[in-house]
Amino acid sequence: MKIFSQVLDTLKGMLKKENRRQLYKYVAIGLSSVLIEFISFNLLMMIVIDGHDMAHIFLFPLFGYTVTGTNLCQSVSMLLGTIFSYTMNRKWSFKTKNPLLPEITRFAILFIFNLIITNIVIRLLQLTDLEDWICKICVQAMMVLWNFFIYKLVIFKPYNTKKD
């Protein structure tokens, strides 16, 4: 229940001017990351999918889960957007001075979580009549919502560091 109270405290804190500014920066970086992801996803889809049958690539044959070309494009485009997002959020919106290695480790764990969830959701959305690019926008919007709180409460949270 502690995490829920932290989320509520964060929501209340968003009313403060300095937190609103941080949220605006996060949104600007997020939109830029989404643009990077969206453009790279569509470019990769044109390269990988058009004219190629990529539906039978088995990554996890033990579990019977096939990775499609769309999943590969989703993963690569998400990696590109995530690298940009981490770099800009660290330097500009959250201005963290945390030690780099533990912070990157936390970010990498979040990336893996996001990658798994978004690939599952994009696969489920593909079962509908939605176009691939609409599925991509849906998973990006979903990720933006929970990532702000995870960034603020876990990834870029000021940790005890030696004072200068």
Protein backbone atom coordinates (compact mmCIF):
# COMPACT_ATOMS: atom_id res chain seq x y z
CA MET A 1 0.00 0.00 0.00
CA LYS A 2 3.01 2.27 0.39
CA ILE A 3 3.33 2.68 -3.39
CA PHE A 4 -0.29 3.86 -3.65
CA SER A 5 0.26 6.53 -1.00
CA GLN A 6 3.42 7.62 -2.85
CA VAL A 7 1.45 7.92 -6.09
CA LEU A 8 -1.24 9.98 -4.30
CA ASP A 9 1.44 12.21 -2.74
CA THR A 10 2.99 12.65 -6.18
CA LEU A 11 -0.40 13.60 -7.66
CA LYS A 12 -0.93 16.16 -4.89
CA GLY A 13 2.61 17.46 -5.38
CA MET A 14 1.96 18.05 -9.09
CA LEU A 15 0.01 21.14 -8.11
CA LYS A 16 3.25 22.83 -7.01
CA LYS A 17 4.79 25.09 -9.64
CA GLU A 18 8.20 23.36 -9.77
CA ASN A 19 6.53 19.96 -10.17
CA ARG A 20 4.28 21.21 -12.95
CA ARG A 21 7.36 22.49 -14.77
CA GLN A 22 8.96 19.05 -14.36
CA LEU A 23 5.81 17.40 -15.70
CA TYR A 24 5.79 19.71 -18.73
CA LYS A 25 9.43 18.84 -19.46
CA TYR A 26 8.63 15.14 -19.07
CA VAL A 27 5.73 15.48 -21.51
CA ALA A 28 7.91 17.35 -24.04
CA ILE A 29 10.58 14.65 -23.82
CA GLY A 30 7.90 11.98 -23.93
CA LEU A 31 6.39 13.43 -27.09
CA SER A 32 9.84 13.58 -28.68
CA SER A 33 10.51 9.98 -27.64
CA VAL A 34 7.14 8.92 -29.04
CA LEU A 35 7.99 10.64 -32.31
CA ILE A 36 11.36 8.86 -32.45
CA GLU A 37 9.67 5.54 -31.68
CA PHE A 38 6.81 6.08 -34.09
CA ILE A 39 9.02 7.11 -37.02
CA SER A 40 11.57 4.35 -36.42
CA PHE A 41 8.78 1.77 -35.95
CA ASN A 42 7.19 2.68 -39.28
CA LEU A 43 10.52 2.80 -41.11
CA LEU A 44 11.47 -0.59 -39.70
CA MET A 45 8.05 -1.98 -40.59
CA MET A 46 8.60 -0.88 -44.20
CA ILE A 47 12.05 -2.52 -44.26
CA VAL A 48 11.29 -5.72 -42.32
CA ILE A 49 7.67 -6.50 -43.11
CA ASP A 50 6.96 -5.28 -46.64
CA GLY A 51 7.69 -8.18 -48.96
CA HIS A 52 8.96 -10.51 -46.22
CA ASP A 53 7.21 -13.23 -44.26
CA MET A 54 8.45 -12.63 -40.72
CA ALA A 55 5.61 -14.41 -38.92
CA HIS A 56 7.51 -17.59 -38.05
CA ILE A 57 10.52 -16.39 -36.07
CA PHE A 58 10.61 -18.42 -32.88
CA LEU A 59 12.30 -16.71 -29.96
CA PHE A 60 10.78 -18.75 -27.14
CA PRO A 61 9.91 -22.14 -28.68
CA LEU A 62 9.53 -23.73 -25.22
CA PHE A 63 6.55 -21.52 -24.49
CA GLY A 64 5.15 -21.61 -28.01
CA TYR A 65 5.48 -17.82 -28.31
CA THR A 66 6.46 -16.58 -31.75
CA VAL A 67 8.04 -13.21 -32.25
CA THR A 68 6.73 -11.53 -35.35
CA GLY A 69 8.40 -8.89 -37.45
CA THR A 70 6.10 -6.38 -35.79
CA ASN A 71 7.43 -7.42 -32.38
CA LEU A 72 10.99 -6.96 -33.61
CA CYS A 73 10.19 -3.51 -34.99
CA GLN A 74 8.40 -2.61 -31.74
CA SER A 75 11.41 -3.69 -29.67
CA VAL A 76 14.04 -1.84 -31.71
CA SER A 77 11.99 1.36 -31.98
CA MET A 78 11.25 1.24 -28.26
CA LEU A 79 14.98 0.88 -27.49
CA LEU A 80 15.75 3.98 -29.58
CA GLY A 81 13.01 6.01 -27.89
CA THR A 82 14.06 4.79 -24.45
CA ILE A 83 17.71 5.79 -24.89
CA PHE A 84 16.62 9.28 -25.89
CA SER A 85 14.08 9.45 -23.04
CA TYR A 86 16.54 8.35 -20.37
CA THR A 87 19.24 10.76 -21.47
CA MET A 88 16.95 13.78 -21.70
CA ASN A 89 14.96 13.05 -18.55
CA ARG A 90 18.15 12.54 -16.53
CA LYS A 91 19.67 15.81 -17.75
CA TRP A 92 16.70 18.10 -18.26
CA SER A 93 13.44 17.21 -16.54
CA PHE A 94 14.56 15.39 -13.39
CA LYS A 95 18.13 16.81 -13.27
CA THR A 96 19.36 13.87 -11.26
CA LYS A 97 22.76 13.63 -9.63
CA ASN A 98 22.27 9.98 -8.69
CA PRO A 99 25.10 7.53 -9.34
CA LEU A 100 24.81 6.45 -12.96
CA LEU A 101 25.09 2.65 -12.67
CA PRO A 102 22.26 2.04 -10.15
CA GLU A 103 20.03 4.47 -12.02
CA ILE A 104 20.68 2.84 -15.39
CA THR A 105 20.06 -0.55 -13.77
CA ARG A 106 16.65 0.58 -12.50
CA PHE A 107 15.90 2.09 -15.90
CA ALA A 108 16.94 -1.14 -17.67
CA ILE A 109 14.59 -3.16 -15.45
CA LEU A 110 11.77 -0.77 -16.31
CA PHE A 111 12.68 -1.03 -20.00
CA ILE A 112 12.46 -4.83 -19.90
CA PHE A 113 9.10 -4.64 -18.09
CA ASN A 114 7.79 -2.10 -20.63
CA LEU A 115 9.13 -4.16 -23.53
CA ILE A 116 7.37 -7.34 -22.37
CA ILE A 117 4.07 -5.63 -21.58
CA THR A 118 3.96 -3.54 -24.76
CA ASN A 119 4.78 -6.50 -26.99
CA ILE A 120 1.99 -8.52 -25.39
CA VAL A 121 -0.47 -5.63 -25.71
CA ILE A 122 0.52 -4.86 -29.30
CA ARG A 123 0.01 -8.53 -30.14
CA LEU A 124 -3.46 -8.47 -28.53
CA LEU A 125 -4.37 -5.25 -30.33
CA GLN A 126 -3.35 -6.82 -33.64
CA LEU A 127 -6.15 -9.34 -33.12
CA THR A 128 -8.56 -6.45 -33.67
CA ASP A 129 -9.04 -4.59 -36.92
CA LEU A 130 -6.65 -1.80 -35.85
CA GLU A 131 -3.76 -0.84 -38.11
CA ASP A 132 -0.25 -1.56 -36.76
CA TRP A 133 0.52 2.15 -36.36
CA ILE A 134 -2.62 2.66 -34.25
CA CYS A 135 -1.61 -0.30 -32.07
CA LYS A 136 1.78 1.36 -31.61
CA ILE A 137 0.19 4.66 -30.53
CA CYS A 138 -2.01 2.82 -28.03
CA VAL A 139 0.91 1.06 -26.35
CA GLN A 140 2.93 4.27 -26.25
CA ALA A 141 0.10 6.18 -24.58
CA MET A 142 -0.31 3.40 -22.03
CA MET A 143 3.41 3.47 -21.23
CA VAL A 144 3.59 7.26 -20.83
CA LEU A 145 0.92 7.15 -18.14
CA TRP A 146 2.68 4.80 -15.76
CA ASN A 147 6.27 5.80 -16.59
CA PHE A 148 6.01 9.32 -15.15
CA PHE A 149 5.22 7.96 -11.71
CA ILE A 150 7.86 5.25 -11.94
CA TYR A 151 10.45 7.81 -13.09
CA LYS A 152 9.59 10.20 -10.27
CA LEU A 153 9.18 7.64 -7.49
CA VAL A 154 11.84 5.09 -8.42
CA ILE A 155 14.18 5.83 -11.34
CA PHE A 156 15.12 9.47 -10.80
CA LYS A 157 14.27 9.66 -7.09
CA PRO A 158 17.10 11.40 -5.26
CA TYR A 159 19.05 8.73 -3.43
CA ASN A 160 21.55 9.24 -0.65
CA THR A 161 24.73 10.39 -2.30
CA LYS A 162 27.82 11.95 -0.85
CA LYS A 163 27.46 15.71 -0.51
CA ASP A 164 30.11 17.85 -2.19
